[in-house]
Structures are given as structure tokens and as C-alpha cells.
Amino acid sequence: MAVADDIALIKEQEATLVFPVFDESVAFKIGSAIRDRALAEDLPIIVDIRTFDRPLFYAAMPGSNASNPDWARRKTNVVRRFLKSTYRMVLEQQRPDRSFKPGEGLDISDYVLAGGGFPVTVKGAGVIGVIAVSGLPEREDHSVVVDALCSHLGVDGRELALPPEAK
């Protein structure tokens, strides 16, 4: 699949995976579902779910490391600034150094081009937060979040799943 096709599919994910309501209970359900999957599949990830004013859920799985929370923080900053998924930003920017163009004025210590941050969008309110996963290759981090959102929102995940990355 071409990069343009992946970007189009991610835009569809973002437009489809919208919550009627998002609160502490919803964050806990989604975070717990991701945690349960991580335990079942031995995924060495952290899960960080937050609105833009406060954290709502956090879990660190066996095998995750001390850098994962910082990656999640920087992914969260990207979603907050651009209101779209970080993997979409990776594909749109095409910057192998993981930094934004110098003219953007975004410090690498606070912003990173890496997949795994997905906007929490509420119908009628817009993007209010982020679900960030860190610890896997970025396309997989992204897919873990999308799978959990599809399941929670009752959306057929097969319709929105990114295909395996071409080698």
C-alpha cells in the first residue's frame, strides 16, 4: 500500500473513531482493554490516556522501559498541537530523523515524529485528549490503539486496519 493510501486510511480512522462521550470510565475501559491485550500477547508497552488537562489512565507492561513514558509524552504533545494521529504525521512529514522541520520551531525534546499517539475526539467537542502507546514499532503502536477504539466503539476493525507494512 502506498503512503498516500495509508494516510487516507488513517484519516478515515480519525473521522470514524469518535466518542459520543469520553470520561474517566471510558478511559479506564479502553486502557484496561489495551493492558489485557498486552498481557496476553506479551507486548512490552506503556499505555497513557489523558485529556489535555490531566492523566486518566496509565499502565506499564513487563518489558517496557524508562524511555517509553517520554516517547508517549512527546507523542501526546504532537496530537495536542496538530489534532491528528502521530503515525499520520510520520507519513505526512517523511522525516527519518524523527524531528519536525526546523521552521516548525518544535524542539525534539518535546515533540517527536513517531506513531502511537491517537486523538480522543468527542462528537460536538472535537479533539480533547490522546491515547498513547509506546514500546512497539510505530505502526504496531498505532494499530494497538486503533484496535482498542474499534472494539470499544463497536466498529469493524477489519475495515479500518492498516495492512502489514511492505518490506
N, C-alpha and C. Protein backbone atom coordinates (compact mmCIF):
# COMPACT_ATOMS: atom_id res chain seq x y z
N MET A 1 0.85 -1.18 0.00
CA MET A 1 0.00 0.00 0.00
C MET A 1 0.89 1.23 0.00
N ALA A 2 0.57 2.19 -0.80
CA ALA A 2 1.35 3.42 -0.89
C ALA A 2 1.12 4.28 0.36
N VAL A 3 2.08 5.15 0.62
CA VAL A 3 1.97 6.05 1.77
C VAL A 3 0.68 6.86 1.69
N ALA A 4 0.33 7.33 0.50
CA ALA A 4 -0.90 8.11 0.35
C ALA A 4 -2.14 7.29 0.74
N ASP A 5 -2.13 6.00 0.44
CA ASP A 5 -3.24 5.13 0.82
C ASP A 5 -3.30 4.98 2.34
N ASP A 6 -2.15 4.81 2.98
CA ASP A 6 -2.10 4.72 4.44
C ASP A 6 -2.62 6.01 5.08
N ILE A 7 -2.20 7.15 4.56
CA ILE A 7 -2.66 8.44 5.10
C ILE A 7 -4.17 8.55 4.96
N ALA A 8 -4.70 8.18 3.81
CA ALA A 8 -6.16 8.24 3.60
C ALA A 8 -6.89 7.34 4.59
N LEU A 9 -6.36 6.15 4.83
CA LEU A 9 -7.00 5.23 5.77
C LEU A 9 -6.91 5.76 7.20
N ILE A 10 -5.81 6.36 7.57
CA ILE A 10 -5.69 6.94 8.91
C ILE A 10 -6.66 8.10 9.08
N LYS A 11 -6.82 8.91 8.06
CA LYS A 11 -7.82 9.99 8.12
C LYS A 11 -9.21 9.40 8.34
N GLU A 12 -9.50 8.29 7.69
CA GLU A 12 -10.78 7.61 7.88
C GLU A 12 -10.90 7.09 9.32
N GLN A 13 -9.82 6.53 9.86
CA GLN A 13 -9.82 6.08 11.26
C GLN A 13 -10.16 7.26 12.18
N GLU A 14 -9.49 8.37 11.97
CA GLU A 14 -9.71 9.54 12.82
C GLU A 14 -11.14 10.06 12.72
N ALA A 15 -11.71 10.03 11.52
CA ALA A 15 -13.07 10.52 11.33
C ALA A 15 -14.12 9.56 11.89
N THR A 16 -13.81 8.27 11.89
CA THR A 16 -14.77 7.25 12.32
C THR A 16 -14.72 7.00 13.82
N LEU A 17 -13.53 7.01 14.40
CA LEU A 17 -13.36 6.63 15.80
C LEU A 17 -13.57 7.84 16.72
N VAL A 18 -14.84 8.24 16.77
CA VAL A 18 -15.27 9.41 17.53
C VAL A 18 -16.19 8.95 18.66
N PHE A 19 -15.98 9.47 19.84
CA PHE A 19 -16.75 9.09 21.01
C PHE A 19 -18.01 9.94 21.16
N PRO A 20 -19.10 9.32 21.61
CA PRO A 20 -20.26 10.12 21.96
C PRO A 20 -19.99 10.87 23.28
N VAL A 21 -19.21 10.23 24.16
CA VAL A 21 -18.79 10.82 25.43
C VAL A 21 -17.47 10.17 25.81
N PHE A 22 -16.62 10.95 26.48
CA PHE A 22 -15.35 10.41 26.94
C PHE A 22 -15.11 10.93 28.34
N ASP A 23 -14.97 10.01 29.28
CA ASP A 23 -14.72 10.38 30.67
C ASP A 23 -13.77 9.36 31.31
N GLU A 24 -13.62 9.45 32.62
CA GLU A 24 -12.71 8.57 33.33
C GLU A 24 -13.06 7.09 33.14
N SER A 25 -14.33 6.80 33.14
CA SER A 25 -14.79 5.41 32.98
C SER A 25 -14.42 4.86 31.60
N VAL A 26 -14.63 5.65 30.58
CA VAL A 26 -14.29 5.23 29.22
C VAL A 26 -12.77 5.05 29.10
N ALA A 27 -12.02 5.98 29.63
CA ALA A 27 -10.55 5.88 29.59
C ALA A 27 -10.09 4.60 30.29
N PHE A 28 -10.70 4.28 31.42
CA PHE A 28 -10.32 3.08 32.15
C PHE A 28 -10.65 1.82 31.35
N LYS A 29 -11.81 1.79 30.72
CA LYS A 29 -12.20 0.61 29.92
C LYS A 29 -11.23 0.40 28.75
N ILE A 30 -10.92 1.46 28.04
CA ILE A 30 -10.02 1.34 26.89
C ILE A 30 -8.61 0.99 27.36
N GLY A 31 -8.14 1.69 28.38
CA GLY A 31 -6.81 1.40 28.90
C GLY A 31 -6.69 -0.03 29.41
N SER A 32 -7.71 -0.49 30.09
CA SER A 32 -7.71 -1.87 30.60
C SER A 32 -7.72 -2.88 29.46
N ALA A 33 -8.47 -2.58 28.40
CA ALA A 33 -8.50 -3.49 27.24
C ALA A 33 -7.13 -3.57 26.58
N ILE A 34 -6.46 -2.44 26.44
CA ILE A 34 -5.11 -2.45 25.87
C ILE A 34 -4.15 -3.20 26.79
N ARG A 35 -4.27 -2.96 28.08
CA ARG A 35 -3.42 -3.66 29.05
C ARG A 35 -3.65 -5.16 28.99
N ASP A 36 -4.91 -5.58 28.94
CA ASP A 36 -5.22 -7.01 28.86
C ASP A 36 -4.61 -7.64 27.61
N ARG A 37 -4.72 -6.95 26.49
CA ARG A 37 -4.12 -7.45 25.25
C ARG A 37 -2.61 -7.54 25.39
N ALA A 38 -2.01 -6.52 25.98
CA ALA A 38 -0.56 -6.51 26.15
C ALA A 38 -0.11 -7.68 27.02
N LEU A 39 -0.85 -7.97 28.07
CA LEU A 39 -0.50 -9.11 28.92
C LEU A 39 -0.65 -10.42 28.16
N ALA A 40 -1.74 -10.55 27.41
CA ALA A 40 -2.00 -11.79 26.68
C ALA A 40 -0.97 -12.04 25.58
N GLU A 41 -0.50 -10.96 24.95
CA GLU A 41 0.42 -11.09 23.82
C GLU A 41 1.87 -10.74 24.17
N ASP A 42 2.15 -10.51 25.43
CA ASP A 42 3.49 -10.13 25.88
C ASP A 42 4.02 -8.90 25.14
N LEU A 43 3.20 -7.87 25.06
CA LEU A 43 3.61 -6.64 24.40
C LEU A 43 4.31 -5.74 25.42
N PRO A 44 5.56 -5.35 25.17
CA PRO A 44 6.32 -4.53 26.12
C PRO A 44 6.02 -3.04 25.97
N ILE A 45 4.80 -2.64 26.30
CA ILE A 45 4.35 -1.28 26.03
C ILE A 45 3.97 -0.54 27.31
N ILE A 46 3.83 0.76 27.15
CA ILE A 46 3.13 1.56 28.15
C ILE A 46 1.88 2.12 27.46
N VAL A 47 0.86 2.38 28.26
CA VAL A 47 -0.38 2.97 27.78
C VAL A 47 -0.61 4.23 28.60
N ASP A 48 -0.82 5.34 27.93
CA ASP A 48 -1.04 6.62 28.60
C ASP A 48 -2.26 7.28 27.94
N ILE A 49 -3.34 7.41 28.71
CA ILE A 49 -4.57 8.02 28.20
C ILE A 49 -4.84 9.26 29.02
N ARG A 50 -5.07 10.37 28.32
CA ARG A 50 -5.28 11.63 29.04
C ARG A 50 -6.12 12.60 28.22
N THR A 51 -6.81 13.47 28.94
CA THR A 51 -7.35 14.65 28.29
C THR A 51 -6.21 15.66 28.30
N PHE A 52 -6.39 16.79 27.66
CA PHE A 52 -5.28 17.72 27.58
C PHE A 52 -5.01 18.44 28.89
N ASP A 53 -5.88 18.24 29.89
CA ASP A 53 -5.61 18.88 31.17
C ASP A 53 -5.23 17.93 32.30
N ARG A 54 -5.36 16.58 32.06
CA ARG A 54 -4.98 15.67 33.13
C ARG A 54 -4.90 14.23 32.67
N PRO A 55 -4.08 13.42 33.37
CA PRO A 55 -4.00 11.99 33.04
C PRO A 55 -5.23 11.24 33.56
N LEU A 56 -5.64 10.21 32.79
CA LEU A 56 -6.79 9.40 33.19
C LEU A 56 -6.46 7.93 33.37
N PHE A 57 -5.44 7.43 32.65
CA PHE A 57 -5.06 6.02 32.75
C PHE A 57 -3.60 5.88 32.36
N TYR A 58 -2.89 5.04 33.12
CA TYR A 58 -1.51 4.75 32.79
C TYR A 58 -1.21 3.31 33.21
N ALA A 59 -0.51 2.59 32.35
CA ALA A 59 -0.05 1.25 32.69
C ALA A 59 1.27 0.99 31.98
N ALA A 60 2.19 0.39 32.71
CA ALA A 60 3.48 -0.03 32.13
C ALA A 60 3.55 -1.54 32.19
N MET A 61 3.80 -2.15 31.06
CA MET A 61 3.82 -3.60 30.96
C MET A 61 5.25 -4.13 31.11
N PRO A 62 5.37 -5.40 31.51
CA PRO A 62 6.70 -6.00 31.58
C PRO A 62 7.41 -5.87 30.23
N GLY A 63 8.67 -5.48 30.30
CA GLY A 63 9.46 -5.31 29.08
C GLY A 63 9.49 -3.88 28.58
N SER A 64 8.57 -3.04 29.06
CA SER A 64 8.66 -1.62 28.69
C SER A 64 9.87 -1.04 29.41
N ASN A 65 10.28 0.15 29.01
CA ASN A 65 11.48 0.71 29.63
C ASN A 65 11.28 2.17 30.00
N ALA A 66 12.28 2.74 30.60
CA ALA A 66 12.19 4.10 31.13
C ALA A 66 12.01 5.17 30.06
N SER A 67 12.34 4.87 28.81
CA SER A 67 12.17 5.87 27.76
C SER A 67 10.74 5.90 27.20
N ASN A 68 9.99 4.83 27.39
CA ASN A 68 8.64 4.78 26.82
C ASN A 68 7.72 5.91 27.31
N PRO A 69 7.70 6.25 28.60
CA PRO A 69 6.84 7.36 29.02
C PRO A 69 7.21 8.69 28.34
N ASP A 70 8.50 8.91 28.11
CA ASP A 70 8.90 10.15 27.45
C ASP A 70 8.47 10.15 25.99
N TRP A 71 8.58 9.01 25.32
CA TRP A 71 8.08 8.92 23.95
C TRP A 71 6.58 9.21 23.94
N ALA A 72 5.83 8.65 24.88
CA ALA A 72 4.38 8.89 24.95
C ALA A 72 4.08 10.37 25.19
N ARG A 73 4.85 11.00 26.06
CA ARG A 73 4.66 12.43 26.34
C ARG A 73 4.86 13.27 25.08
N ARG A 74 5.91 12.96 24.33
CA ARG A 74 6.19 13.72 23.12
C ARG A 74 5.14 13.45 22.03
N LYS A 75 4.64 12.20 21.97
CA LYS A 75 3.55 11.89 21.04
C LYS A 75 2.30 12.66 21.43
N THR A 76 2.02 12.73 22.73
CA THR A 76 0.86 13.49 23.23
C THR A 76 0.96 14.95 22.80
N ASN A 77 2.15 15.53 22.92
CA ASN A 77 2.33 16.93 22.51
C ASN A 77 2.04 17.13 21.02
N VAL A 78 2.40 16.14 20.20
CA VAL A 78 2.14 16.25 18.76
C VAL A 78 0.63 16.20 18.49
N VAL A 79 -0.07 15.28 19.13
CA VAL A 79 -1.53 15.21 18.94
C VAL A 79 -2.17 16.51 19.40
N ARG A 80 -1.73 17.02 20.54
CA ARG A 80 -2.30 18.27 21.06
C ARG A 80 -2.08 19.43 20.09
N ARG A 81 -0.93 19.48 19.49
CA ARG A 81 -0.61 20.60 18.59
C ARG A 81 -1.30 20.49 17.23
N PHE A 82 -1.33 19.25 16.67
CA PHE A 82 -1.82 19.09 15.30
C PHE A 82 -3.20 18.44 15.21
N LEU A 83 -3.71 17.91 16.32
CA LEU A 83 -5.05 17.32 16.40
C LEU A 83 -5.25 16.16 15.43
N LYS A 84 -4.19 15.38 15.25
CA LYS A 84 -4.28 14.18 14.42
C LYS A 84 -3.29 13.15 14.93
N SER A 85 -3.42 11.94 14.43
CA SER A 85 -2.58 10.86 14.94
C SER A 85 -1.11 11.09 14.58
N THR A 86 -0.26 10.59 15.46
CA THR A 86 1.16 10.78 15.24
C THR A 86 1.68 9.92 14.09
N TYR A 87 1.07 8.78 13.85
CA TYR A 87 1.53 7.98 12.72
C TYR A 87 1.18 8.66 11.41
N ARG A 88 0.05 9.31 11.35
CA ARG A 88 -0.28 10.11 10.17
C ARG A 88 0.76 11.21 9.97
N MET A 89 1.18 11.84 11.07
CA MET A 89 2.20 12.88 10.97
C MET A 89 3.52 12.31 10.44
N VAL A 90 3.88 11.11 10.90
CA VAL A 90 5.10 10.44 10.42
C VAL A 90 5.04 10.30 8.91
N LEU A 91 3.90 9.78 8.42
CA LEU A 91 3.77 9.52 6.99
C LEU A 91 3.71 10.82 6.18
N GLU A 92 3.07 11.84 6.72
CA GLU A 92 2.99 13.12 6.02
C GLU A 92 4.32 13.85 5.99
N GLN A 93 5.07 13.79 7.07
CA GLN A 93 6.32 14.55 7.18
C GLN A 93 7.50 13.85 6.52
N GLN A 94 7.53 12.50 6.56
CA GLN A 94 8.62 11.74 5.94
C GLN A 94 10.00 12.24 6.38
N ARG A 95 10.20 12.29 7.71
CA ARG A 95 11.48 12.77 8.27
C ARG A 95 12.15 11.65 9.04
N PRO A 96 13.16 11.00 8.48
CA PRO A 96 13.79 9.87 9.15
C PRO A 96 14.47 10.20 10.47
N ASP A 97 14.76 11.48 10.71
CA ASP A 97 15.41 11.85 11.97
C ASP A 97 14.41 12.03 13.12
N ARG A 98 13.11 11.83 12.84
CA ARG A 98 12.05 11.90 13.86
C ARG A 98 11.78 13.30 14.37
N SER A 99 12.37 14.31 13.75
CA SER A 99 12.15 15.68 14.19
C SER A 99 11.33 16.43 13.14
N PHE A 100 10.71 17.50 13.57
CA PHE A 100 9.98 18.35 12.65
C PHE A 100 10.97 19.27 11.93
N LYS A 101 10.56 19.80 10.81
CA LYS A 101 11.41 20.72 10.06
C LYS A 101 11.79 21.89 10.97
N PRO A 102 13.02 22.40 10.82
CA PRO A 102 13.46 23.49 11.70
C PRO A 102 12.50 24.68 11.74
N GLY A 103 11.88 24.99 10.65
CA GLY A 103 10.95 26.13 10.60
C GLY A 103 9.71 25.97 11.45
N GLU A 104 9.41 24.73 11.86
CA GLU A 104 8.24 24.49 12.71
C GLU A 104 8.47 25.00 14.14
N GLY A 105 9.74 25.08 14.54
CA GLY A 105 10.06 25.57 15.88
C GLY A 105 9.69 24.60 16.99
N LEU A 106 9.68 23.30 16.69
CA LEU A 106 9.29 22.30 17.68
C LEU A 106 10.52 21.52 18.14
N ASP A 107 10.85 21.65 19.39
CA ASP A 107 12.03 21.02 19.98
C ASP A 107 11.86 19.51 20.06
N ILE A 108 12.87 18.76 19.63
CA ILE A 108 12.84 17.30 19.64
C ILE A 108 12.65 16.76 21.07
N SER A 109 13.02 17.52 22.07
CA SER A 109 12.83 17.05 23.44
C SER A 109 11.36 17.08 23.86
N ASP A 110 10.52 17.78 23.10
CA ASP A 110 9.10 17.87 23.43
C ASP A 110 8.16 17.33 22.35
N TYR A 111 8.66 17.16 21.13
CA TYR A 111 7.84 16.70 20.01
C TYR A 111 8.61 15.65 19.22
N VAL A 112 7.93 14.58 18.84
CA VAL A 112 8.60 13.53 18.08
C VAL A 112 7.67 13.00 17.00
N LEU A 113 8.25 12.69 15.86
CA LEU A 113 7.50 12.02 14.81
C LEU A 113 7.64 10.53 15.02
N ALA A 114 6.64 9.95 15.67
CA ALA A 114 6.62 8.52 15.97
C ALA A 114 5.17 8.10 16.16
N GLY A 115 4.79 7.01 15.54
CA GLY A 115 3.41 6.54 15.63
C GLY A 115 3.08 6.03 17.02
N GLY A 116 1.79 6.06 17.34
CA GLY A 116 1.32 5.53 18.61
C GLY A 116 0.50 6.51 19.42
N GLY A 117 0.39 7.75 18.97
CA GLY A 117 -0.48 8.73 19.62
C GLY A 117 -1.72 8.93 18.76
N PHE A 118 -2.90 8.77 19.36
CA PHE A 118 -4.15 8.87 18.59
C PHE A 118 -5.08 9.85 19.30
N PRO A 119 -5.71 10.76 18.55
CA PRO A 119 -6.58 11.76 19.18
C PRO A 119 -7.86 11.14 19.76
N VAL A 120 -8.22 11.63 20.92
CA VAL A 120 -9.53 11.32 21.51
C VAL A 120 -10.46 12.43 21.04
N THR A 121 -11.37 12.05 20.15
CA THR A 121 -12.30 13.01 19.58
C THR A 121 -13.70 12.72 20.10
N VAL A 122 -14.38 13.76 20.56
CA VAL A 122 -15.73 13.63 21.07
C VAL A 122 -16.67 14.40 20.15
N LYS A 123 -17.75 13.73 19.75
CA LYS A 123 -18.73 14.36 18.86
C LYS A 123 -19.22 15.67 19.48
N GLY A 124 -19.16 16.73 18.70
CA GLY A 124 -19.62 18.03 19.15
C GLY A 124 -18.59 18.83 19.93
N ALA A 125 -17.47 18.19 20.32
CA ALA A 125 -16.45 18.89 21.10
C ALA A 125 -15.10 18.93 20.39
N GLY A 126 -14.84 17.96 19.52
CA GLY A 126 -13.55 17.89 18.84
C GLY A 126 -12.54 17.08 19.61
N VAL A 127 -11.28 17.32 19.33
CA VAL A 127 -10.19 16.56 19.98
C VAL A 127 -9.98 17.12 21.38
N ILE A 128 -10.11 16.22 22.37
CA ILE A 128 -9.99 16.65 23.77
C ILE A 128 -8.84 15.97 24.51
N GLY A 129 -8.19 15.01 23.85
CA GLY A 129 -7.14 14.26 24.52
C GLY A 129 -6.44 13.32 23.59
N VAL A 130 -5.73 12.35 24.19
CA VAL A 130 -4.91 11.44 23.40
C VAL A 130 -4.80 10.09 24.10
N ILE A 131 -4.70 9.06 23.29
CA ILE A 131 -4.33 7.73 23.76
C ILE A 131 -2.97 7.46 23.14
N ALA A 132 -1.98 7.22 23.99
CA ALA A 132 -0.62 6.98 23.50
C ALA A 132 -0.15 5.61 23.95
N VAL A 133 0.44 4.89 23.01
CA VAL A 133 1.08 3.61 23.28
C VAL A 133 2.51 3.73 22.80
N SER A 134 3.44 3.19 23.59
CA SER A 134 4.85 3.23 23.22
C SER A 134 5.51 1.93 23.62
N GLY A 135 6.34 1.40 22.72
CA GLY A 135 7.11 0.20 23.02
C GLY A 135 7.27 -0.75 21.86
N LEU A 136 6.41 -0.62 20.86
CA LEU A 136 6.46 -1.47 19.67
C LEU A 136 6.92 -0.62 18.49
N PRO A 137 7.17 -1.24 17.34
CA PRO A 137 7.37 -0.43 16.14
C PRO A 137 6.14 0.47 15.93
N GLU A 138 6.37 1.66 15.43
CA GLU A 138 5.32 2.69 15.43
C GLU A 138 4.02 2.30 14.75
N ARG A 139 4.07 1.56 13.68
CA ARG A 139 2.84 1.14 13.00
C ARG A 139 2.03 0.21 13.92
N GLU A 140 2.75 -0.62 14.69
CA GLU A 140 2.08 -1.52 15.63
C GLU A 140 1.52 -0.75 16.82
N ASP A 141 2.28 0.22 17.35
CA ASP A 141 1.75 1.07 18.42
C ASP A 141 0.42 1.69 17.97
N HIS A 142 0.41 2.23 16.77
CA HIS A 142 -0.79 2.85 16.21
C HIS A 142 -1.92 1.84 16.12
N SER A 143 -1.63 0.67 15.61
CA SER A 143 -2.66 -0.36 15.42
C SER A 143 -3.25 -0.85 16.73
N VAL A 144 -2.44 -0.93 17.78
CA VAL A 144 -2.95 -1.35 19.09
C VAL A 144 -4.03 -0.37 19.56
N VAL A 145 -3.79 0.91 19.39
CA VAL A 145 -4.78 1.92 19.79
C VAL A 145 -6.03 1.81 18.92
N VAL A 146 -5.85 1.74 17.61
CA VAL A 146 -6.99 1.68 16.70
C VAL A 146 -7.84 0.43 16.98
N ASP A 147 -7.20 -0.70 17.20
CA ASP A 147 -7.94 -1.93 17.51
C ASP A 147 -8.79 -1.75 18.76
N ALA A 148 -8.22 -1.15 19.79
CA ALA A 148 -8.96 -0.95 21.04
C ALA A 148 -10.13 0.01 20.84
N LEU A 149 -9.92 1.05 20.06
CA LEU A 149 -11.00 2.01 19.81
C LEU A 149 -12.12 1.37 19.00
N CYS A 150 -11.76 0.60 17.99
CA CYS A 150 -12.78 -0.09 17.19
C CYS A 150 -13.62 -1.01 18.08
N SER A 151 -12.96 -1.77 18.91
CA SER A 151 -13.66 -2.68 19.80
C SER A 151 -14.59 -1.92 20.74
N HIS A 152 -14.10 -0.87 21.34
CA HIS A 152 -14.91 -0.10 22.29
C HIS A 152 -16.11 0.57 21.62
N LEU A 153 -15.88 1.09 20.42
CA LEU A 153 -16.94 1.85 19.73
C LEU A 153 -17.83 0.97 18.85
N GLY A 154 -17.55 -0.33 18.80
CA GLY A 154 -18.37 -1.24 18.00
C GLY A 154 -18.19 -1.08 16.51
N VAL A 155 -16.98 -0.73 16.10
CA VAL A 155 -16.65 -0.54 14.69
C VAL A 155 -15.90 -1.77 14.21
N ASP A 156 -16.21 -2.22 13.00
CA ASP A 156 -15.49 -3.37 12.43
C ASP A 156 -14.04 -2.97 12.15
N GLY A 157 -13.14 -3.49 12.95
CA GLY A 157 -11.73 -3.13 12.83
C GLY A 157 -11.10 -3.56 11.53
N ARG A 158 -11.66 -4.58 10.90
CA ARG A 158 -11.08 -5.04 9.62
C ARG A 158 -11.22 -3.96 8.55
N GLU A 159 -12.26 -3.16 8.66
CA GLU A 159 -12.48 -2.09 7.68
C GLU A 159 -11.45 -0.97 7.80
N LEU A 160 -10.95 -0.77 9.02
CA LEU A 160 -10.05 0.36 9.27
C LEU A 160 -8.60 -0.02 9.50
N ALA A 161 -8.32 -1.32 9.54
CA ALA A 161 -6.95 -1.78 9.83
C ALA A 161 -5.97 -1.44 8.72
N LEU A 162 -4.82 -0.95 9.11
CA LEU A 162 -3.74 -0.77 8.15
C LEU A 162 -3.23 -2.15 7.75
N PRO A 163 -2.91 -2.35 6.51
CA PRO A 163 -2.34 -3.64 6.10
C PRO A 163 -0.93 -3.78 6.66
N PRO A 164 -0.39 -5.00 6.68
CA PRO A 164 1.00 -5.16 7.11
C PRO A 164 1.91 -4.26 6.26
N GLU A 165 2.92 -3.73 6.90
CA GLU A 165 3.85 -2.84 6.20
C GLU A 165 4.64 -3.63 5.17
N ALA A 166 4.76 -3.07 3.99
CA ALA A 166 5.54 -3.70 2.92
C ALA A 166 7.01 -3.73 3.32
N LYS A 167 7.66 -4.83 3.08
CA LYS A 167 9.09 -4.96 3.43
C LYS A 167 9.96 -4.53 2.29
